[in-house]
Amino acid sequence: MTCNPYHLSFNTGLRPDPLLKVSEWADGFRMLSQTASSEPGRWRTERTPYLKEIMIHYRHHHLLKK
C-alpha cells in the first residue's frame, strides 16, 4: 500500500501541537515590535531570566484555582 500525499498531509494536520513550556513557546513564537521594545525581533528568555520562573508558574496557574 502506497502513501497518498493527500492522506499524509491530512493526517499530519490532525496531530496535536507539542506541549511547550511558556518560556519555550515565547522563545519560538513571540516577536517584539520596534515600537514596544529597544531590542525588536524574537523574544529571548535568556535576556530576562527572572521572568522564566514566573512563566513556569503561570502555566500551572489554572490548576491552582479551585
PDB file of N, CA and C in Angstrom:
ATOM      1  N   MET A   1       0.845  -1.185   0.000  1.00  0.00           N
ATOM      2  CA  MET A   1       0.000   0.000   0.000  1.00  0.00           C
ATOM      3  C   MET A   1       0.891   1.248   0.000  1.00  0.00           C
ATOM      4  N   THR A   2       0.656   2.128  -0.947  1.00  0.00           N
ATOM      5  CA  THR A   2       1.451   3.346  -1.040  1.00  0.00           C
ATOM      6  C   THR A   2       0.779   4.468  -0.271  1.00  0.00           C
ATOM      7  N   CYS A   3       1.577   5.394   0.201  1.00  0.00           N
ATOM      8  CA  CYS A   3       1.052   6.537   0.953  1.00  0.00           C
ATOM      9  C   CYS A   3       0.579   7.611  -0.026  1.00  0.00           C
ATOM     10  N   ASN A   4      -0.659   7.954   0.075  1.00  0.00           N
ATOM     11  CA  ASN A   4      -1.225   9.032  -0.720  1.00  0.00           C
ATOM     12  C   ASN A   4      -0.780  10.353  -0.094  1.00  0.00           C
ATOM     13  N   PRO A   5      -0.182  11.276  -0.848  1.00  0.00           N
ATOM     14  CA  PRO A   5       0.297  12.532  -0.253  1.00  0.00           C
ATOM     15  C   PRO A   5      -0.828  13.355   0.379  1.00  0.00           C
ATOM     16  N   TYR A   6      -2.037  13.232  -0.129  1.00  0.00           N
ATOM     17  CA  TYR A   6      -3.156  13.971   0.456  1.00  0.00           C
ATOM     18  C   TYR A   6      -3.525  13.413   1.826  1.00  0.00           C
ATOM     19  N   HIS A   7      -3.533  12.086   1.935  1.00  0.00           N
ATOM     20  CA  HIS A   7      -3.821  11.463   3.227  1.00  0.00           C
ATOM     21  C   HIS A   7      -2.726  11.782   4.236  1.00  0.00           C
ATOM     22  N   LEU A   8      -1.488  11.744   3.784  1.00  0.00           N
ATOM     23  CA  LEU A   8      -0.352  12.051   4.661  1.00  0.00           C
ATOM     24  C   LEU A   8      -0.450  13.484   5.182  1.00  0.00           C
ATOM     25  N   SER A   9      -0.752  14.433   4.298  1.00  0.00           N
ATOM     26  CA  SER A   9      -0.890  15.838   4.705  1.00  0.00           C
ATOM     27  C   SER A   9      -2.058  16.016   5.659  1.00  0.00           C
ATOM     28  N   PHE A  10      -3.179  15.353   5.365  1.00  0.00           N
ATOM     29  CA  PHE A  10      -4.358  15.458   6.217  1.00  0.00           C
ATOM     30  C   PHE A  10      -4.061  14.909   7.607  1.00  0.00           C
ATOM     31  N   ASN A  11      -3.436  13.747   7.677  1.00  0.00           N
ATOM     32  CA  ASN A  11      -3.115  13.139   8.967  1.00  0.00           C
ATOM     33  C   ASN A  11      -2.100  13.958   9.743  1.00  0.00           C
ATOM     34  N   THR A  12      -1.169  14.587   9.053  1.00  0.00           N
ATOM     35  CA  THR A  12      -0.194  15.457   9.715  1.00  0.00           C
ATOM     36  C   THR A  12      -0.903  16.647  10.358  1.00  0.00           C
ATOM     37  N   GLY A  13      -1.911  17.185   9.666  1.00  0.00           N
ATOM     38  CA  GLY A  13      -2.670  18.312  10.207  1.00  0.00           C
ATOM     39  C   GLY A  13      -3.512  17.958  11.414  1.00  0.00           C
ATOM     40  N   LEU A  14      -3.833  16.694  11.593  1.00  0.00           N
ATOM     41  CA  LEU A  14      -4.638  16.257  12.729  1.00  0.00           C
ATOM     42  C   LEU A  14      -3.831  16.071  14.007  1.00  0.00           C
ATOM     43  N   ARG A  15      -2.519  15.964  13.870  1.00  0.00           N
ATOM     44  CA  ARG A  15      -1.682  15.780  15.059  1.00  0.00           C
ATOM     45  C   ARG A  15      -1.734  17.018  15.944  1.00  0.00           C
ATOM     46  N   PRO A  16      -1.853  16.825  17.249  1.00  0.00           N
ATOM     47  CA  PRO A  16      -1.857  17.997  18.139  1.00  0.00           C
ATOM     48  C   PRO A  16      -0.481  18.657  18.184  1.00  0.00           C
ATOM     49  N   ASP A  17      -0.481  19.943  18.494  1.00  0.00           N
ATOM     50  CA  ASP A  17       0.780  20.661  18.664  1.00  0.00           C
ATOM     51  C   ASP A  17       1.514  20.091  19.869  1.00  0.00           C
ATOM     52  N   PRO A  18       2.834  20.114  19.854  1.00  0.00           N
ATOM     53  CA  PRO A  18       3.580  19.601  21.008  1.00  0.00           C
ATOM     54  C   PRO A  18       3.346  20.487  22.231  1.00  0.00           C
ATOM     55  N   LEU A  19       3.384  19.870  23.410  1.00  0.00           N
ATOM     56  CA  LEU A  19       3.244  20.635  24.647  1.00  0.00           C
ATOM     57  C   LEU A  19       4.553  21.368  24.918  1.00  0.00           C
ATOM     58  N   LEU A  20       4.451  22.669  25.067  1.00  0.00           N
ATOM     59  CA  LEU A  20       5.628  23.502  25.309  1.00  0.00           C
ATOM     60  C   LEU A  20       5.471  24.242  26.626  1.00  0.00           C
ATOM     61  N   LYS A  21       6.586  24.479  27.281  1.00  0.00           N
ATOM     62  CA  LYS A  21       6.580  25.382  28.423  1.00  0.00           C
ATOM     63  C   LYS A  21       6.333  26.783  27.877  1.00  0.00           C
ATOM     64  N   VAL A  22       5.815  27.675  28.712  1.00  0.00           N
ATOM     65  CA  VAL A  22       5.543  29.040  28.260  1.00  0.00           C
ATOM     66  C   VAL A  22       6.821  29.693  27.758  1.00  0.00           C
ATOM     67  N   SER A  23       7.920  29.479  28.452  1.00  0.00           N
ATOM     68  CA  SER A  23       9.186  30.082  28.020  1.00  0.00           C
ATOM     69  C   SER A  23       9.651  29.511  26.684  1.00  0.00           C
ATOM     70  N   GLU A  24       9.409  28.219  26.437  1.00  0.00           N
ATOM     71  CA  GLU A  24       9.766  27.615  25.148  1.00  0.00           C
ATOM     72  C   GLU A  24       8.915  28.198  24.029  1.00  0.00           C
ATOM     73  N   TRP A  25       7.611  28.364  24.310  1.00  0.00           N
ATOM     74  CA  TRP A  25       6.724  28.953  23.303  1.00  0.00           C
ATOM     75  C   TRP A  25       7.172  30.380  23.002  1.00  0.00           C
ATOM     76  N   ALA A  26       7.474  31.141  24.055  1.00  0.00           N
ATOM     77  CA  ALA A  26       7.890  32.537  23.871  1.00  0.00           C
ATOM     78  C   ALA A  26       9.159  32.617  23.032  1.00  0.00           C
ATOM     79  N   ASP A  27      10.129  31.773  23.326  1.00  0.00           N
ATOM     80  CA  ASP A  27      11.383  31.783  22.560  1.00  0.00           C
ATOM     81  C   ASP A  27      11.149  31.405  21.100  1.00  0.00           C
ATOM     82  N   GLY A  28      10.160  30.581  20.833  1.00  0.00           N
ATOM     83  CA  GLY A  28       9.919  30.130  19.476  1.00  0.00           C
ATOM     84  C   GLY A  28       8.988  31.004  18.662  1.00  0.00           C
ATOM     85  N   PHE A  29       8.037  31.694  19.343  1.00  0.00           N
ATOM     86  CA  PHE A  29       6.987  32.380  18.593  1.00  0.00           C
ATOM     87  C   PHE A  29       6.789  33.858  18.921  1.00  0.00           C
ATOM     88  N   ARG A  30       7.180  34.314  20.096  1.00  0.00           N
ATOM     89  CA  ARG A  30       6.917  35.716  20.481  1.00  0.00           C
ATOM     90  C   ARG A  30       7.857  36.655  19.740  1.00  0.00           C
ATOM     91  N   MET A  31       7.266  37.717  19.194  1.00  0.00           N
ATOM     92  CA  MET A  31       8.046  38.732  18.484  1.00  0.00           C
ATOM     93  C   MET A  31       7.826  40.088  19.161  1.00  0.00           C
ATOM     94  N   LEU A  32       8.873  40.844  19.326  1.00  0.00           N
ATOM     95  CA  LEU A  32       8.801  42.176  19.920  1.00  0.00           C
ATOM     96  C   LEU A  32       8.883  43.215  18.802  1.00  0.00           C
ATOM     97  N   SER A  33       7.974  44.174  18.839  1.00  0.00           N
ATOM     98  CA  SER A  33       7.942  45.199  17.785  1.00  0.00           C
ATOM     99  C   SER A  33       8.979  46.286  18.054  1.00  0.00           C
ATOM    100  N   GLN A  34       9.248  47.077  17.047  1.00  0.00           N
ATOM    101  CA  GLN A  34      10.203  48.182  17.191  1.00  0.00           C
ATOM    102  C   GLN A  34       9.661  49.275  18.089  1.00  0.00           C
ATOM    103  N   THR A  35       8.339  49.442  18.116  1.00  0.00           N
ATOM    104  CA  THR A  35       7.756  50.496  18.951  1.00  0.00           C
ATOM    105  C   THR A  35       7.651  50.079  20.410  1.00  0.00           C
ATOM    106  N   ALA A  36       7.596  48.785  20.687  1.00  0.00           N
ATOM    107  CA  ALA A  36       7.397  48.312  22.058  1.00  0.00           C
ATOM    108  C   ALA A  36       8.691  47.865  22.734  1.00  0.00           C
ATOM    109  N   SER A  37       9.776  47.809  21.978  1.00  0.00           N
ATOM    110  CA  SER A  37      10.989  47.240  22.546  1.00  0.00           C
ATOM    111  C   SER A  37      12.229  47.970  22.039  1.00  0.00           C
ATOM    112  N   SER A  38      13.216  48.056  22.909  1.00  0.00           N
ATOM    113  CA  SER A  38      14.501  48.600  22.468  1.00  0.00           C
ATOM    114  C   SER A  38      15.318  47.539  21.736  1.00  0.00           C
ATOM    115  N   GLU A  39      14.895  46.284  21.851  1.00  0.00           N
ATOM    116  CA  GLU A  39      15.532  45.171  21.140  1.00  0.00           C
ATOM    117  C   GLU A  39      14.466  44.422  20.346  1.00  0.00           C
ATOM    118  N   PRO A  40      14.021  44.968  19.214  1.00  0.00           N
ATOM    119  CA  PRO A  40      12.965  44.305  18.441  1.00  0.00           C
ATOM    120  C   PRO A  40      13.430  42.969  17.864  1.00  0.00           C
ATOM    121  N   GLY A  41      12.451  42.139  17.569  1.00  0.00           N
ATOM    122  CA  GLY A  41      12.750  40.825  16.989  1.00  0.00           C
ATOM    123  C   GLY A  41      12.242  39.724  17.895  1.00  0.00           C
ATOM    124  N   ARG A  42      12.864  38.564  17.789  1.00  0.00           N
ATOM    125  CA  ARG A  42      12.438  37.417  18.586  1.00  0.00           C
ATOM    126  C   ARG A  42      12.686  37.649  20.081  1.00  0.00           C
ATOM    127  N   TRP A  43      11.746  37.177  20.873  1.00  0.00           N
ATOM    128  CA  TRP A  43      11.879  37.183  22.329  1.00  0.00           C
ATOM    129  C   TRP A  43      12.963  36.183  22.716  1.00  0.00           C
ATOM    130  N   ARG A  44      13.777  36.563  23.691  1.00  0.00           N
ATOM    131  CA  ARG A  44      14.795  35.646  24.213  1.00  0.00           C
ATOM    132  C   ARG A  44      14.685  35.640  25.723  1.00  0.00           C
ATOM    133  N   THR A  45      14.251  34.530  26.272  1.00  0.00           N
ATOM    134  CA  THR A  45      14.098  34.411  27.723  1.00  0.00           C
ATOM    135  C   THR A  45      15.431  34.609  28.430  1.00  0.00           C
ATOM    136  N   GLU A  46      16.522  34.271  27.770  1.00  0.00           N
ATOM    137  CA  GLU A  46      17.841  34.437  28.386  1.00  0.00           C
ATOM    138  C   GLU A  46      18.145  35.902  28.710  1.00  0.00           C
ATOM    139  N   ARG A  47      17.486  36.843  28.028  1.00  0.00           N
ATOM    140  CA  ARG A  47      17.698  38.269  28.307  1.00  0.00           C
ATOM    141  C   ARG A  47      16.957  38.709  29.568  1.00  0.00           C
ATOM    142  N   THR A  48      15.928  37.957  29.940  1.00  0.00           N
ATOM    143  CA  THR A  48      15.147  38.272  31.141  1.00  0.00           C
ATOM    144  C   THR A  48      14.959  36.996  31.964  1.00  0.00           C
ATOM    145  N   PRO A  49      16.049  36.453  32.507  1.00  0.00           N
ATOM    146  CA  PRO A  49      15.958  35.162  33.205  1.00  0.00           C
ATOM    147  C   PRO A  49      15.033  35.194  34.424  1.00  0.00           C
ATOM    148  N   TYR A  50      14.825  36.357  35.010  1.00  0.00           N
ATOM    149  CA  TYR A  50      13.949  36.461  36.171  1.00  0.00           C
ATOM    150  C   TYR A  50      12.483  36.216  35.796  1.00  0.00           C
ATOM    151  N   LEU A  51      12.132  36.316  34.517  1.00  0.00           N
ATOM    152  CA  LEU A  51      10.759  36.053  34.079  1.00  0.00           C
ATOM    153  C   LEU A  51      10.493  34.573  33.834  1.00  0.00           C
ATOM    154  N   LYS A  52      11.552  33.780  33.704  1.00  0.00           N
ATOM    155  CA  LYS A  52      11.364  32.359  33.389  1.00  0.00           C
ATOM    156  C   LYS A  52      10.562  31.653  34.487  1.00  0.00           C
ATOM    157  N   GLU A  53      10.890  31.890  35.737  1.00  0.00           N
ATOM    158  CA  GLU A  53      10.171  31.248  36.838  1.00  0.00           C
ATOM    159  C   GLU A  53       8.704  31.674  36.856  1.00  0.00           C
ATOM    160  N   ILE A  54       8.445  32.943  36.559  1.00  0.00           N
ATOM    161  CA  ILE A  54       7.058  33.426  36.500  1.00  0.00           C
ATOM    162  C   ILE A  54       6.318  32.695  35.391  1.00  0.00           C
ATOM    163  N   MET A  55       6.953  32.529  34.235  1.00  0.00           N
ATOM    164  CA  MET A  55       6.309  31.833  33.126  1.00  0.00           C
ATOM    165  C   MET A  55       6.052  30.366  33.470  1.00  0.00           C
ATOM    166  N   ILE A  56       6.948  29.735  34.206  1.00  0.00           N
ATOM    167  CA  ILE A  56       6.757  28.340  34.623  1.00  0.00           C
ATOM    168  C   ILE A  56       5.545  28.232  35.530  1.00  0.00           C
ATOM    169  N   HIS A  57       5.420  29.133  36.497  1.00  0.00           N
ATOM    170  CA  HIS A  57       4.299  29.082  37.431  1.00  0.00           C
ATOM    171  C   HIS A  57       2.990  29.506  36.779  1.00  0.00           C
ATOM    172  N   TYR A  58       3.044  30.369  35.789  1.00  0.00           N
ATOM    173  CA  TYR A  58       1.833  30.795  35.102  1.00  0.00           C
ATOM    174  C   TYR A  58       1.180  29.622  34.393  1.00  0.00           C
ATOM    175  N   ARG A  59       1.963  28.726  33.862  1.00  0.00           N
ATOM    176  CA  ARG A  59       1.428  27.558  33.148  1.00  0.00           C
ATOM    177  C   ARG A  59       0.512  26.745  34.053  1.00  0.00           C
ATOM    178  N   HIS A  60       0.846  26.654  35.318  1.00  0.00           N
ATOM    179  CA  HIS A  60       0.064  25.843  36.250  1.00  0.00           C
ATOM    180  C   HIS A  60      -0.929  26.686  37.051  1.00  0.00           C
ATOM    181  N   HIS A  61      -1.056  27.955  36.709  1.00  0.00           N
ATOM    182  CA  HIS A  61      -1.932  28.849  37.457  1.00  0.00           C
ATOM    183  C   HIS A  61      -3.377  28.365  37.454  1.00  0.00           C
ATOM    184  N   HIS A  62      -3.861  27.890  36.326  1.00  0.00           N
ATOM    185  CA  HIS A  62      -5.250  27.442  36.248  1.00  0.00           C
ATOM    186  C   HIS A  62      -5.497  26.198  37.102  1.00  0.00           C
ATOM    187  N   LEU A  63      -4.440  25.448  37.416  1.00  0.00           N
ATOM    188  CA  LEU A  63      -4.596  24.264  38.253  1.00  0.00           C
ATOM    189  C   LEU A  63      -4.719  24.629  39.727  1.00  0.00           C
ATOM    190  N   LEU A  64      -4.237  25.807  40.100  1.00  0.00           N
ATOM    191  CA  LEU A  64      -4.257  26.207  41.494  1.00  0.00           C
ATOM    192  C   LEU A  64      -5.592  26.780  41.919  1.00  0.00           C
ATOM    193  N   LYS A  65      -6.352  27.330  40.977  1.00  0.00           N
ATOM    194  CA  LYS A  65      -7.652  27.909  41.310  1.00  0.00           C
ATOM    195  C   LYS A  65      -8.679  26.804  41.459  1.00  0.00           C
ATOM    196  N   LYS A  66      -9.422  26.849  42.558  1.00  0.00           N
ATOM    197  CA  LYS A  66     -10.485  25.856  42.779  1.00  0.00           C
ATOM    198  C   LYS A  66     -11.739  26.542  43.249  1.00  0.00           C
TER     199      LYS A  66
END
